[in-house]
Amino acid sequence: MDFPGVHSNGRSCATCHVPAEAFQLTPAHVEARFQALQVRRLTDPAADDPLFRAVDANDGAEDFTNLRKHALVRVIIPLPVDATGRKLVWPQDDPDATVVSVWRATPTIWNTAFTGPFQLDARFNTLQEQALGALINHAEITDAPKTKFLDDVAAFQMTQFSSPEVQLLSAALASGQTPSQTDPPLNELEKRGKAIFIHHCVNCHGGPTQTVPIAALPPGIRDIRVSKPVPPFASDLPFAPAPLPARNWVFRVGETLTVRPSTDPGQALLTGNIAQMNFFDINTLYGISKTAPYFHDNSAATLEEVLRHYQLEFIAVRRVAPIPPDLLLDEELAPLLAYLKKI
């Protein structure tokens, strides 16, 4: 299909933000579409599916492995420059590059009414900017869309919520209020899980939107060590990371060049600030039980794996943080998981 008045490569927003998959893209959905396409091609060799466009789906292996196995798409990011036009960061193996690509998950559009800025690295300030970026980079539009079209897309996204309770929360925030109760009814296990969430998780997932870190945290806390390789003081991941190759990235710090390896430097690719290495946006946890897999590379398949990761993460942070967090104990996992699955 084409967007109204705008020629594209056949994709719509729903091609990747699949309504039946909580408006995101999952490996199971991609693989089902890929297999269905192969069946169609038995009788129609020209059969096509816009999901499998080379611009962001072809991983060089010609079999769409990153997309099929991990639901990852290629994202193109212009490299930042300083006031004199010198690049602040670039891949060591391609020093002349002005843009780079990384492989990332497709996040849900749920709760975007109050969770800006948008995209996993928070590079867009408005839903209209986010929609335009997707139209250009993923739908390959040839003409600029009308402002009304972008406004309509944003308006639709702002009506999508993970639950009625969260929709009420959004309405209260929009009117300048903060409701005292946003949770659905909780049983005793879930109430205990909420107390554990408040103790362990609001340091980063704070405030009524669950996206506000507390000021006392060191900036590095936002590197939760999912991008590989992890630093020497951190424990390894409790799950297999997406098989993305790490690259060496050169950062210009004044007149000094510093090299750091990473599968995805996150916000540092936008700012050139090495202190933001592997930083990603803090996402809300409302509806989290319905949006597996997790993290920017879809490496954690379940919420259980996410919580196990944070057990190791808190151990690692205690070794370097001036305000060390308490450990997340084994006996706290079940109630915390029950609460997260409820909200």
C-alpha atoms as a PDB file:
ATOM      1  CA  MET A   1       0.000   0.000   0.000  1.00  0.00           C
ATOM      2  CA  ASP A   2       0.974   3.666  -0.276  1.00  0.00           C
ATOM      3  CA  PHE A   3       0.427   6.379   2.275  1.00  0.00           C
ATOM      4  CA  PRO A   4      -2.084   9.039   1.143  1.00  0.00           C
ATOM      5  CA  GLY A   5      -0.411  11.150  -1.518  1.00  0.00           C
ATOM      6  CA  VAL A   6       3.017   9.726  -0.729  1.00  0.00           C
ATOM      7  CA  HIS A   7       4.660   6.952  -2.744  1.00  0.00           C
ATOM      8  CA  SER A   8       6.427   4.391  -0.520  1.00  0.00           C
ATOM      9  CA  ASN A   9       7.958   0.932  -0.762  1.00  0.00           C
ATOM     10  CA  GLY A  10       4.624  -0.659   0.118  1.00  0.00           C
ATOM     11  CA  ARG A  11       4.924  -0.507   3.883  1.00  0.00           C
ATOM     12  CA  SER A  12       2.429   0.941   6.278  1.00  0.00           C
ATOM     13  CA  CYS A  13       3.047   1.782   9.945  1.00  0.00           C
ATOM     14  CA  ALA A  14       1.406  -1.540  10.829  1.00  0.00           C
ATOM     15  CA  THR A  15       3.943  -3.503   8.793  1.00  0.00           C
ATOM     16  CA  CYS A  16       6.367  -3.235  11.703  1.00  0.00           C
ATOM     17  CA  HIS A  17       4.140  -1.918  14.506  1.00  0.00           C
ATOM     18  CA  VAL A  18       1.807  -4.916  14.296  1.00  0.00           C
ATOM     19  CA  PRO A  19      -1.537  -4.279  16.059  1.00  0.00           C
ATOM     20  CA  ALA A  20      -1.978  -7.945  17.026  1.00  0.00           C
ATOM     21  CA  GLU A  21       1.527  -7.972  18.552  1.00  0.00           C
ATOM     22  CA  ALA A  22       1.056  -5.014  20.921  1.00  0.00           C
ATOM     23  CA  PHE A  23       2.055  -2.658  18.073  1.00  0.00           C
ATOM     24  CA  GLN A  24       5.598  -3.998  17.943  1.00  0.00           C
ATOM     25  CA  LEU A  25       7.462  -6.609  15.899  1.00  0.00           C
ATOM     26  CA  THR A  26       8.218 -10.081  17.241  1.00  0.00           C
ATOM     27  CA  PRO A  27      10.456 -12.851  15.865  1.00  0.00           C
ATOM     28  CA  ALA A  28       7.502 -15.278  15.708  1.00  0.00           C
ATOM     29  CA  HIS A  29       5.470 -12.851  13.604  1.00  0.00           C
ATOM     30  CA  VAL A  30       8.371 -12.205  11.229  1.00  0.00           C
ATOM     31  CA  GLU A  31       9.129 -15.889  10.769  1.00  0.00           C
ATOM     32  CA  ALA A  32       5.477 -16.693  10.099  1.00  0.00           C
ATOM     33  CA  ARG A  33       5.369 -14.015   7.393  1.00  0.00           C
ATOM     34  CA  PHE A  34       8.622 -15.246   5.894  1.00  0.00           C
ATOM     35  CA  GLN A  35       7.395 -18.838   5.672  1.00  0.00           C
ATOM     36  CA  ALA A  36       4.055 -17.723   4.249  1.00  0.00           C
ATOM     37  CA  LEU A  37       5.931 -15.762   1.599  1.00  0.00           C
ATOM     38  CA  GLN A  38       7.919 -18.854   0.606  1.00  0.00           C
ATOM     39  CA  VAL A  39       4.670 -20.822   0.181  1.00  0.00           C
ATOM     40  CA  ARG A  40       3.176 -18.076  -1.986  1.00  0.00           C
ATOM     41  CA  ARG A  41       6.266 -18.040  -4.169  1.00  0.00           C
ATOM     42  CA  LEU A  42       5.754 -21.714  -5.032  1.00  0.00           C
ATOM     43  CA  THR A  43       2.870 -20.670  -7.272  1.00  0.00           C
ATOM     44  CA  ASP A  44       3.810 -17.025  -7.805  1.00  0.00           C
ATOM     45  CA  PRO A  45       7.588 -16.423  -8.007  1.00  0.00           C
ATOM     46  CA  ALA A  46       6.986 -12.671  -7.963  1.00  0.00           C
ATOM     47  CA  ALA A  47       5.108 -12.753  -4.649  1.00  0.00           C
ATOM     48  CA  ASP A  48       6.252 -10.037  -2.304  1.00  0.00           C
ATOM     49  CA  ASP A  49       6.002  -8.891   1.304  1.00  0.00           C
ATOM     50  CA  PRO A  50       6.960  -5.290   2.136  1.00  0.00           C
ATOM     51  CA  LEU A  51       8.324  -6.326   5.527  1.00  0.00           C
ATOM     52  CA  PHE A  52      11.368  -7.782   3.764  1.00  0.00           C
ATOM     53  CA  ARG A  53      12.792  -4.659   2.190  1.00  0.00           C
ATOM     54  CA  ALA A  54      16.557  -4.495   1.681  1.00  0.00           C
ATOM     55  CA  VAL A  55      16.783  -0.962   3.106  1.00  0.00           C
ATOM     56  CA  ASP A  56      16.567  -2.218   6.687  1.00  0.00           C
ATOM     57  CA  ALA A  57      15.849  -5.965   6.596  1.00  0.00           C
ATOM     58  CA  ASN A  58      18.694  -7.439   4.548  1.00  0.00           C
ATOM     59  CA  ASP A  59      21.555  -8.292   6.896  1.00  0.00           C
ATOM     60  CA  GLY A  60      24.044  -9.239   4.208  1.00  0.00           C
ATOM     61  CA  ALA A  61      23.412 -12.951   4.574  1.00  0.00           C
ATOM     62  CA  GLU A  62      20.538 -12.635   2.091  1.00  0.00           C
ATOM     63  CA  ASP A  63      18.303 -14.672   4.402  1.00  0.00           C
ATOM     64  CA  PHE A  64      17.112 -11.881   6.749  1.00  0.00           C
ATOM     65  CA  THR A  65      18.566 -13.622   9.819  1.00  0.00           C
ATOM     66  CA  ASN A  66      18.530 -10.579  12.105  1.00  0.00           C
ATOM     67  CA  LEU A  67      14.924  -9.851  11.203  1.00  0.00           C
ATOM     68  CA  ARG A  68      13.655 -13.449  11.294  1.00  0.00           C
ATOM     69  CA  LYS A  69      15.449 -14.629  14.424  1.00  0.00           C
ATOM     70  CA  HIS A  70      15.429 -11.437  16.473  1.00  0.00           C
ATOM     71  CA  ALA A  71      12.944  -9.025  14.811  1.00  0.00           C
ATOM     72  CA  LEU A  72      15.727  -6.471  14.423  1.00  0.00           C
ATOM     73  CA  VAL A  73      15.792  -3.839  11.698  1.00  0.00           C
ATOM     74  CA  ARG A  74      18.635  -1.658  10.494  1.00  0.00           C
ATOM     75  CA  VAL A  75      18.540   1.929  11.734  1.00  0.00           C
ATOM     76  CA  ILE A  76      20.607   4.596   9.951  1.00  0.00           C
ATOM     77  CA  ILE A  77      22.048   7.356  12.141  1.00  0.00           C
ATOM     78  CA  PRO A  78      24.001  10.440  10.938  1.00  0.00           C
ATOM     79  CA  LEU A  79      27.196  10.906  12.915  1.00  0.00           C
ATOM     80  CA  PRO A  80      27.425  14.081  15.055  1.00  0.00           C
ATOM     81  CA  VAL A  81      29.972  16.824  14.441  1.00  0.00           C
ATOM     82  CA  ASP A  82      31.341  19.681  16.536  1.00  0.00           C
ATOM     83  CA  ALA A  83      31.087  23.402  15.769  1.00  0.00           C
ATOM     84  CA  THR A  84      33.990  23.165  13.318  1.00  0.00           C
ATOM     85  CA  GLY A  85      32.473  20.239  11.443  1.00  0.00           C
ATOM     86  CA  ARG A  86      34.762  17.572  12.897  1.00  0.00           C
ATOM     87  CA  LYS A  87      33.118  14.243  13.667  1.00  0.00           C
ATOM     88  CA  LEU A  88      32.748  13.435  17.349  1.00  0.00           C
ATOM     89  CA  VAL A  89      32.411   9.672  16.905  1.00  0.00           C
ATOM     90  CA  TRP A  90      32.945   7.233  14.055  1.00  0.00           C
ATOM     91  CA  PRO A  91      33.587   3.521  13.479  1.00  0.00           C
ATOM     92  CA  GLN A  92      37.287   2.723  13.538  1.00  0.00           C
ATOM     93  CA  ASP A  93      36.932   0.434  10.516  1.00  0.00           C
ATOM     94  CA  ASP A  94      35.287   3.201   8.436  1.00  0.00           C
ATOM     95  CA  PRO A  95      36.857   6.557   9.369  1.00  0.00           C
ATOM     96  CA  ASP A  96      35.255   8.360   6.418  1.00  0.00           C
ATOM     97  CA  ALA A  97      31.716   7.381   7.393  1.00  0.00           C
ATOM     98  CA  THR A  98      29.167  10.155   7.860  1.00  0.00           C
ATOM     99  CA  VAL A  99      26.323   7.780   8.766  1.00  0.00           C
ATOM    100  CA  VAL A 100      26.288   4.406  10.513  1.00  0.00           C
ATOM    101  CA  SER A 101      23.781   1.611  10.898  1.00  0.00           C
ATOM    102  CA  VAL A 102      22.811  -0.378  13.969  1.00  0.00           C
ATOM    103  CA  TRP A 103      20.267  -3.179  14.436  1.00  0.00           C
ATOM    104  CA  ARG A 104      17.418  -2.466  16.826  1.00  0.00           C
ATOM    105  CA  ALA A 105      14.021  -3.700  17.935  1.00  0.00           C
ATOM    106  CA  THR A 106      10.733  -2.069  16.955  1.00  0.00           C
ATOM    107  CA  PRO A 107       9.207  -0.629  20.145  1.00  0.00           C
ATOM    108  CA  THR A 108       5.499  -0.622  20.883  1.00  0.00           C
ATOM    109  CA  ILE A 109       3.469   2.555  20.352  1.00  0.00           C
ATOM    110  CA  TRP A 110       1.505   1.904  23.553  1.00  0.00           C
ATOM    111  CA  ASN A 111       1.516   4.768  26.060  1.00  0.00           C
ATOM    112  CA  THR A 112       3.315   7.179  23.728  1.00  0.00           C
ATOM    113  CA  ALA A 113       0.925   9.892  24.913  1.00  0.00           C
ATOM    114  CA  PHE A 114       3.250  10.437  27.887  1.00  0.00           C
ATOM    115  CA  THR A 115       6.523   8.634  27.163  1.00  0.00           C
ATOM    116  CA  GLY A 116       8.398  11.048  24.900  1.00  0.00           C
ATOM    117  CA  PRO A 117      11.022  11.579  23.625  1.00  0.00           C
ATOM    118  CA  PHE A 118      10.680   8.681  21.221  1.00  0.00           C
ATOM    119  CA  GLN A 119      12.656   5.790  19.759  1.00  0.00           C
ATOM    120  CA  LEU A 120      14.978   3.589  21.791  1.00  0.00           C
ATOM    121  CA  ASP A 121      17.663   6.286  21.867  1.00  0.00           C
ATOM    122  CA  ALA A 122      15.170   9.163  22.384  1.00  0.00           C
ATOM    123  CA  ARG A 123      16.250  10.906  19.176  1.00  0.00           C
ATOM    124  CA  PHE A 124      12.809  12.310  18.290  1.00  0.00           C
ATOM    125  CA  ASN A 125      11.036  14.901  20.439  1.00  0.00           C
ATOM    126  CA  THR A 126       7.566  14.545  18.922  1.00  0.00           C
ATOM    127  CA  LEU A 127       5.447  11.767  17.487  1.00  0.00           C
ATOM    128  CA  GLN A 128       5.294  13.696  14.216  1.00  0.00           C
ATOM    129  CA  GLU A 129       9.108  13.667  13.989  1.00  0.00           C
ATOM    130  CA  GLN A 130       9.108   9.968  14.778  1.00  0.00           C
ATOM    131  CA  ALA A 131       6.547   9.226  12.073  1.00  0.00           C
ATOM    132  CA  LEU A 132       8.423  11.291   9.487  1.00  0.00           C
ATOM    133  CA  GLY A 133      11.679   9.524  10.321  1.00  0.00           C
ATOM    134  CA  ALA A 134      10.027   6.136   9.825  1.00  0.00           C
ATOM    135  CA  LEU A 135       8.461   7.229   6.534  1.00  0.00           C
ATOM    136  CA  ILE A 136      11.811   8.383   5.173  1.00  0.00           C
ATOM    137  CA  ASN A 137      14.076   5.642   6.486  1.00  0.00           C
ATOM    138  CA  HIS A 138      11.831   2.583   6.523  1.00  0.00           C
ATOM    139  CA  ALA A 139       9.016   3.288   4.047  1.00  0.00           C
ATOM    140  CA  GLU A 140      11.356   5.118   1.627  1.00  0.00           C
ATOM    141  CA  ILE A 141       8.816   7.789   0.720  1.00  0.00           C
ATOM    142  CA  THR A 142       9.589   9.908  -2.329  1.00  0.00           C
ATOM    143  CA  ASP A 143       7.498  12.959  -1.417  1.00  0.00           C
ATOM    144  CA  ALA A 144       7.078  14.814   1.837  1.00  0.00           C
ATOM    145  CA  PRO A 145       3.827  13.941   3.636  1.00  0.00           C
ATOM    146  CA  LYS A 146       1.324  16.598   4.529  1.00  0.00           C
ATOM    147  CA  THR A 147       1.434  17.998   8.041  1.00  0.00           C
ATOM    148  CA  LYS A 148      -2.144  16.831   8.622  1.00  0.00           C
ATOM    149  CA  PHE A 149      -1.135  13.255   7.841  1.00  0.00           C
ATOM    150  CA  LEU A 150       1.657  13.337  10.447  1.00  0.00           C
ATOM    151  CA  ASP A 151      -0.718  14.932  12.946  1.00  0.00           C
ATOM    152  CA  ASP A 152      -3.286  12.198  12.296  1.00  0.00           C
ATOM    153  CA  VAL A 153      -0.694   9.463  12.858  1.00  0.00           C
ATOM    154  CA  ALA A 154       0.364  11.124  16.114  1.00  0.00           C
ATOM    155  CA  ALA A 155      -3.248  11.500  17.215  1.00  0.00           C
ATOM    156  CA  PHE A 156      -3.868   7.797  16.646  1.00  0.00           C
ATOM    157  CA  GLN A 157      -0.767   6.807  18.606  1.00  0.00           C
ATOM    158  CA  MET A 158      -1.882   8.954  21.521  1.00  0.00           C
ATOM    159  CA  THR A 159      -5.040   6.844  21.863  1.00  0.00           C
ATOM    160  CA  GLN A 160      -3.175   3.552  22.282  1.00  0.00           C
ATOM    161  CA  PHE A 161      -2.662   2.400  25.873  1.00  0.00           C
ATOM    162  CA  SER A 162      -1.655  -0.832  27.542  1.00  0.00           C
ATOM    163  CA  SER A 163      -4.660  -0.787  29.907  1.00  0.00           C
ATOM    164  CA  PRO A 164      -7.661   1.342  30.906  1.00  0.00           C
ATOM    165  CA  GLU A 165      -5.847   2.304  34.117  1.00  0.00           C
ATOM    166  CA  VAL A 166      -2.906   3.675  32.142  1.00  0.00           C
ATOM    167  CA  GLN A 167      -5.290   5.584  29.883  1.00  0.00           C
ATOM    168  CA  LEU A 168      -6.771   7.243  32.982  1.00  0.00           C
ATOM    169  CA  LEU A 169      -3.256   8.018  34.182  1.00  0.00           C
ATOM    170  CA  SER A 170      -2.458   9.692  30.865  1.00  0.00           C
ATOM    171  CA  ALA A 171      -5.615  11.808  30.999  1.00  0.00           C
ATOM    172  CA  ALA A 172      -4.764  12.903  34.540  1.00  0.00           C
ATOM    173  CA  LEU A 173      -1.215  13.843  33.564  1.00  0.00           C
ATOM    174  CA  ALA A 174      -2.489  15.795  30.569  1.00  0.00           C
ATOM    175  CA  SER A 175      -4.745  17.829  32.863  1.00  0.00           C
ATOM    176  CA  GLY A 176      -1.920  18.556  35.288  1.00  0.00           C
ATOM    177  CA  GLN A 177      -2.982  16.025  37.914  1.00  0.00           C
ATOM    178  CA  THR A 178      -1.265  12.977  39.345  1.00  0.00           C
ATOM    179  CA  PRO A 179      -3.681  10.215  40.341  1.00  0.00           C
ATOM    180  CA  SER A 180      -3.005   8.529  43.668  1.00  0.00           C
ATOM    181  CA  GLN A 181      -3.890   5.087  42.296  1.00  0.00           C
ATOM    182  CA  THR A 182      -3.005   3.794  38.832  1.00  0.00           C
ATOM    183  CA  ASP A 183      -2.767   0.058  39.457  1.00  0.00           C
ATOM    184  CA  PRO A 184      -5.533  -2.437  38.799  1.00  0.00           C
ATOM    185  CA  PRO A 185      -6.679  -4.413  41.877  1.00  0.00           C
ATOM    186  CA  LEU A 186      -3.697  -6.312  43.319  1.00  0.00           C
ATOM    187  CA  ASN A 187      -3.588  -9.538  45.302  1.00  0.00           C
ATOM    188  CA  GLU A 188      -1.203 -10.004  48.228  1.00  0.00           C
ATOM    189  CA  LEU A 189       1.651 -11.334  46.089  1.00  0.00           C
ATOM    190  CA  GLU A 190       1.289  -8.443  43.658  1.00  0.00           C
ATOM    191  CA  LYS A 191       1.159  -5.911  46.507  1.00  0.00           C
ATOM    192  CA  ARG A 192       4.425  -7.294  47.824  1.00  0.00           C
ATOM    193  CA  GLY A 193       5.806  -7.057  44.301  1.00  0.00           C
ATOM    194  CA  LYS A 194       4.803  -3.402  44.128  1.00  0.00           C
ATOM    195  CA  ALA A 195       6.707  -2.710  47.340  1.00  0.00           C
ATOM    196  CA  ILE A 196       9.763  -4.426  45.846  1.00  0.00           C
ATOM    197  CA  PHE A 197       9.329  -2.390  42.650  1.00  0.00           C
ATOM    198  CA  ILE A 198       9.266   0.826  44.670  1.00  0.00           C
ATOM    199  CA  HIS A 199      12.387  -0.243  46.554  1.00  0.00           C
ATOM    200  CA  HIS A 200      14.466  -1.426  43.602  1.00  0.00           C
ATOM    201  CA  CYS A 201      13.091  -0.035  40.350  1.00  0.00           C
ATOM    202  CA  VAL A 202      11.928   3.559  40.814  1.00  0.00           C
ATOM    203  CA  ASN A 203      15.540   4.730  40.942  1.00  0.00           C
ATOM    204  CA  CYS A 204      15.322   4.632  37.143  1.00  0.00           C
ATOM    205  CA  HIS A 205      11.661   3.906  36.409  1.00  0.00           C
ATOM    206  CA  GLY A 206      10.417   6.676  38.671  1.00  0.00           C
ATOM    207  CA  GLY A 207       7.480   9.064  38.659  1.00  0.00           C
ATOM    208  CA  PRO A 208       3.961   8.310  37.469  1.00  0.00           C
ATOM    209  CA  THR A 209       5.236   7.613  33.925  1.00  0.00           C
ATOM    210  CA  GLN A 210       7.921   5.191  35.194  1.00  0.00           C
ATOM    211  CA  THR A 211      10.495   6.963  33.014  1.00  0.00           C
ATOM    212  CA  VAL A 212      12.182   9.388  35.416  1.00  0.00           C
ATOM    213  CA  PRO A 213      15.560   8.533  37.039  1.00  0.00           C
ATOM    214  CA  ILE A 214      16.314  10.051  40.437  1.00  0.00           C
ATOM    215  CA  ALA A 215      18.858  12.863  40.416  1.00  0.00           C
ATOM    216  CA  ALA A 216      21.240  11.124  42.831  1.00  0.00           C
ATOM    217  CA  LEU A 217      22.136   8.370  40.382  1.00  0.00           C
ATOM    218  CA  PRO A 218      25.426   8.619  38.470  1.00  0.00           C
ATOM    219  CA  PRO A 219      24.889   9.082  34.720  1.00  0.00           C
ATOM    220  CA  GLY A 220      26.450   5.713  33.932  1.00  0.00           C
ATOM    221  CA  ILE A 221      23.553   3.915  35.594  1.00  0.00           C
ATOM    222  CA  ARG A 222      21.672   4.236  32.312  1.00  0.00           C
ATOM    223  CA  ASP A 223      24.155   1.874  30.699  1.00  0.00           C
ATOM    224  CA  ILE A 224      22.552  -1.364  31.848  1.00  0.00           C
ATOM    225  CA  ARG A 225      25.248  -3.387  30.078  1.00  0.00           C
ATOM    226  CA  VAL A 226      23.183  -5.057  27.397  1.00  0.00           C
ATOM    227  CA  SER A 227      25.356  -3.784  24.556  1.00  0.00           C
ATOM    228  CA  LYS A 228      28.362  -6.058  24.207  1.00  0.00           C
ATOM    229  CA  PRO A 229      31.071  -6.414  25.344  1.00  0.00           C
ATOM    230  CA  VAL A 230      30.277  -5.798  29.002  1.00  0.00           C
ATOM    231  CA  PRO A 231      32.993  -4.080  31.077  1.00  0.00           C
ATOM    232  CA  PRO A 232      35.336  -6.222  33.190  1.00  0.00           C
ATOM    233  CA  PHE A 233      33.576  -5.400  36.473  1.00  0.00           C
ATOM    234  CA  ALA A 234      30.164  -6.574  35.217  1.00  0.00           C
ATOM    235  CA  SER A 235      28.749 -10.060  35.180  1.00  0.00           C
ATOM    236  CA  ASP A 236      27.730 -11.574  31.871  1.00  0.00           C
ATOM    237  CA  LEU A 237      24.141 -11.629  30.615  1.00  0.00           C
ATOM    238  CA  PRO A 238      21.874 -14.442  31.869  1.00  0.00           C
ATOM    239  CA  PHE A 239      20.657 -14.958  28.309  1.00  0.00           C
ATOM    240  CA  ALA A 240      22.218 -15.165  24.879  1.00  0.00           C
ATOM    241  CA  PRO A 241      22.597 -11.690  23.359  1.00  0.00           C
ATOM    242  CA  ALA A 242      21.528 -11.077  19.806  1.00  0.00           C
ATOM    243  CA  PRO A 243      24.468 -12.153  17.626  1.00  0.00           C
ATOM    244  CA  LEU A 244      25.452  -8.659  16.549  1.00  0.00           C
ATOM    245  CA  PRO A 245      29.125  -7.933  15.901  1.00  0.00           C
ATOM    246  CA  ALA A 246      30.803  -5.381  18.145  1.00  0.00           C
ATOM    247  CA  ARG A 247      32.623  -2.539  16.409  1.00  0.00           C
ATOM    248  CA  ASN A 248      35.345  -0.268  17.717  1.00  0.00           C
ATOM    249  CA  TRP A 249      34.084   3.314  17.971  1.00  0.00           C
ATOM    250  CA  VAL A 250      36.450   6.301  18.008  1.00  0.00           C
ATOM    251  CA  PHE A 251      35.384   9.236  20.193  1.00  0.00           C
ATOM    252  CA  ARG A 252      36.890  12.702  19.980  1.00  0.00           C
ATOM    253  CA  VAL A 253      37.289  14.138  23.481  1.00  0.00           C
ATOM    254  CA  GLY A 254      38.928  17.512  22.994  1.00  0.00           C
ATOM    255  CA  GLU A 255      42.069  16.643  21.056  1.00  0.00           C
ATOM    256  CA  THR A 256      42.178  13.093  22.394  1.00  0.00           C
ATOM    257  CA  LEU A 257      40.853  10.100  20.499  1.00  0.00           C
ATOM    258  CA  THR A 258      39.474   7.240  22.597  1.00  0.00           C
ATOM    259  CA  VAL A 259      38.381   3.860  21.241  1.00  0.00           C
ATOM    260  CA  ARG A 260      35.539   1.862  22.813  1.00  0.00           C
ATOM    261  CA  PRO A 261      33.957  -1.392  21.529  1.00  0.00           C
ATOM    262  CA  SER A 262      30.184  -1.842  21.434  1.00  0.00           C
ATOM    263  CA  THR A 263      27.481  -3.623  19.498  1.00  0.00           C
ATOM    264  CA  ASP A 264      25.393  -0.446  19.806  1.00  0.00           C
ATOM    265  CA  PRO A 265      26.636   2.751  21.530  1.00  0.00           C
ATOM    266  CA  GLY A 266      23.073   4.090  21.857  1.00  0.00           C
ATOM    267  CA  GLN A 267      22.749   7.805  22.622  1.00  0.00           C
ATOM    268  CA  ALA A 268      26.506   8.336  22.193  1.00  0.00           C
ATOM    269  CA  LEU A 269      25.931   8.022  18.437  1.00  0.00           C
ATOM    270  CA  LEU A 270      23.652  11.063  18.609  1.00  0.00           C
ATOM    271  CA  THR A 271      25.766  13.301  20.815  1.00  0.00           C
ATOM    272  CA  GLY A 272      29.323  12.040  20.389  1.00  0.00           C
ATOM    273  CA  ASN A 273      29.554  12.127  24.181  1.00  0.00           C
ATOM    274  CA  ILE A 274      31.544   9.129  25.373  1.00  0.00           C
ATOM    275  CA  ALA A 275      29.892   9.463  28.808  1.00  0.00           C
ATOM    276  CA  GLN A 276      26.651   8.375  27.125  1.00  0.00           C
ATOM    277  CA  MET A 277      28.157   5.183  25.739  1.00  0.00           C
ATOM    278  CA  ASN A 278      25.503   2.432  25.549  1.00  0.00           C
ATOM    279  CA  PHE A 279      22.794   4.731  26.940  1.00  0.00           C
ATOM    280  CA  PHE A 280      19.214   4.079  25.878  1.00  0.00           C
ATOM    281  CA  ASP A 281      15.944   5.742  26.789  1.00  0.00           C
ATOM    282  CA  ILE A 282      14.260   4.666  30.019  1.00  0.00           C
ATOM    283  CA  ASN A 283      11.001   3.065  28.949  1.00  0.00           C
ATOM    284  CA  THR A 284       7.799   2.797  30.926  1.00  0.00           C
ATOM    285  CA  LEU A 285       6.996  -0.652  32.311  1.00  0.00           C
ATOM    286  CA  TYR A 286       3.236  -0.394  31.933  1.00  0.00           C
ATOM    287  CA  GLY A 287       2.081  -3.315  29.800  1.00  0.00           C
ATOM    288  CA  ILE A 288       5.565  -4.859  29.881  1.00  0.00           C
ATOM    289  CA  SER A 289       4.237  -8.424  30.157  1.00  0.00           C
ATOM    290  CA  LYS A 290       2.707  -8.108  26.679  1.00  0.00           C
ATOM    291  CA  THR A 291       5.731  -6.682  24.856  1.00  0.00           C
ATOM    292  CA  ALA A 292       8.324  -9.483  24.858  1.00  0.00           C
ATOM    293  CA  PRO A 293      11.104  -9.745  23.785  1.00  0.00           C
ATOM    294  CA  TYR A 294      13.030  -7.085  25.669  1.00  0.00           C
ATOM    295  CA  PHE A 295      15.888  -4.571  25.431  1.00  0.00           C
ATOM    296  CA  HIS A 296      17.040  -2.651  22.374  1.00  0.00           C
ATOM    297  CA  ASP A 297      18.321  -5.830  20.713  1.00  0.00           C
ATOM    298  CA  ASN A 298      15.422  -8.115  21.734  1.00  0.00           C
ATOM    299  CA  SER A 299      17.982 -10.302  23.515  1.00  0.00           C
ATOM    300  CA  ALA A 300      15.864 -11.179  26.575  1.00  0.00           C
ATOM    301  CA  ALA A 301      12.984 -13.444  25.621  1.00  0.00           C
ATOM    302  CA  THR A 302      11.078 -13.281  28.916  1.00  0.00           C
ATOM    303  CA  LEU A 303      10.508 -11.021  31.894  1.00  0.00           C
ATOM    304  CA  GLU A 304      12.165 -13.676  34.047  1.00  0.00           C
ATOM    305  CA  GLU A 305      15.354 -13.194  32.039  1.00  0.00           C
ATOM    306  CA  VAL A 306      15.067  -9.420  32.443  1.00  0.00           C
ATOM    307  CA  LEU A 307      14.866  -9.727  36.233  1.00  0.00           C
ATOM    308  CA  ARG A 308      17.807 -12.133  36.316  1.00  0.00           C
ATOM    309  CA  HIS A 309      19.761  -9.592  34.324  1.00  0.00           C
ATOM    310  CA  TYR A 310      19.022  -6.908  36.880  1.00  0.00           C
ATOM    311  CA  GLN A 311      20.152  -9.177  39.684  1.00  0.00           C
ATOM    312  CA  LEU A 312      23.564  -9.255  38.007  1.00  0.00           C
ATOM    313  CA  GLU A 313      23.335  -5.578  37.096  1.00  0.00           C
ATOM    314  CA  PHE A 314      22.841  -4.503  40.703  1.00  0.00           C
ATOM    315  CA  ILE A 315      25.855  -6.592  41.727  1.00  0.00           C
ATOM    316  CA  ALA A 316      27.935  -4.860  39.048  1.00  0.00           C
ATOM    317  CA  VAL A 317      26.701  -1.365  39.937  1.00  0.00           C
ATOM    318  CA  ARG A 318      27.556  -1.888  43.615  1.00  0.00           C
ATOM    319  CA  ARG A 319      31.220  -2.152  42.591  1.00  0.00           C
ATOM    320  CA  VAL A 320      31.369   1.274  40.985  1.00  0.00           C
ATOM    321  CA  ALA A 321      28.425   3.433  42.094  1.00  0.00           C
ATOM    322  CA  PRO A 322      28.889   6.005  44.874  1.00  0.00           C
ATOM    323  CA  ILE A 323      25.368   5.094  46.048  1.00  0.00           C
ATOM    324  CA  PRO A 324      25.248   1.308  45.690  1.00  0.00           C
ATOM    325  CA  PRO A 325      21.802  -0.226  45.213  1.00  0.00           C
ATOM    326  CA  ASP A 326      20.509  -3.054  47.362  1.00  0.00           C
ATOM    327  CA  LEU A 327      20.712  -6.478  45.811  1.00  0.00           C
ATOM    328  CA  LEU A 328      17.639  -7.999  44.168  1.00  0.00           C
ATOM    329  CA  LEU A 329      17.162 -11.248  46.078  1.00  0.00           C
ATOM    330  CA  ASP A 330      15.917 -14.558  44.700  1.00  0.00           C
ATOM    331  CA  GLU A 331      12.892 -14.504  46.989  1.00  0.00           C
ATOM    332  CA  GLU A 332      11.899 -11.100  45.597  1.00  0.00           C
ATOM    333  CA  LEU A 333      11.695 -12.275  41.984  1.00  0.00           C
ATOM    334  CA  ALA A 334       8.289 -14.028  42.093  1.00  0.00           C
ATOM    335  CA  PRO A 335       6.329 -11.135  43.674  1.00  0.00           C
ATOM    336  CA  LEU A 336       8.084  -8.551  41.492  1.00  0.00           C
ATOM    337  CA  LEU A 337       7.317 -10.592  38.407  1.00  0.00           C
ATOM    338  CA  ALA A 338       3.684 -10.942  39.471  1.00  0.00           C
ATOM    339  CA  TYR A 339       3.377  -7.164  39.859  1.00  0.00           C
ATOM    340  CA  LEU A 340       5.015  -6.417  36.525  1.00  0.00           C
ATOM    341  CA  LYS A 341       2.693  -8.855  34.795  1.00  0.00           C
ATOM    342  CA  LYS A 342      -0.310  -7.090  36.326  1.00  0.00           C
ATOM    343  CA  ILE A 343       0.380  -3.432  35.582  1.00  0.00           C
END
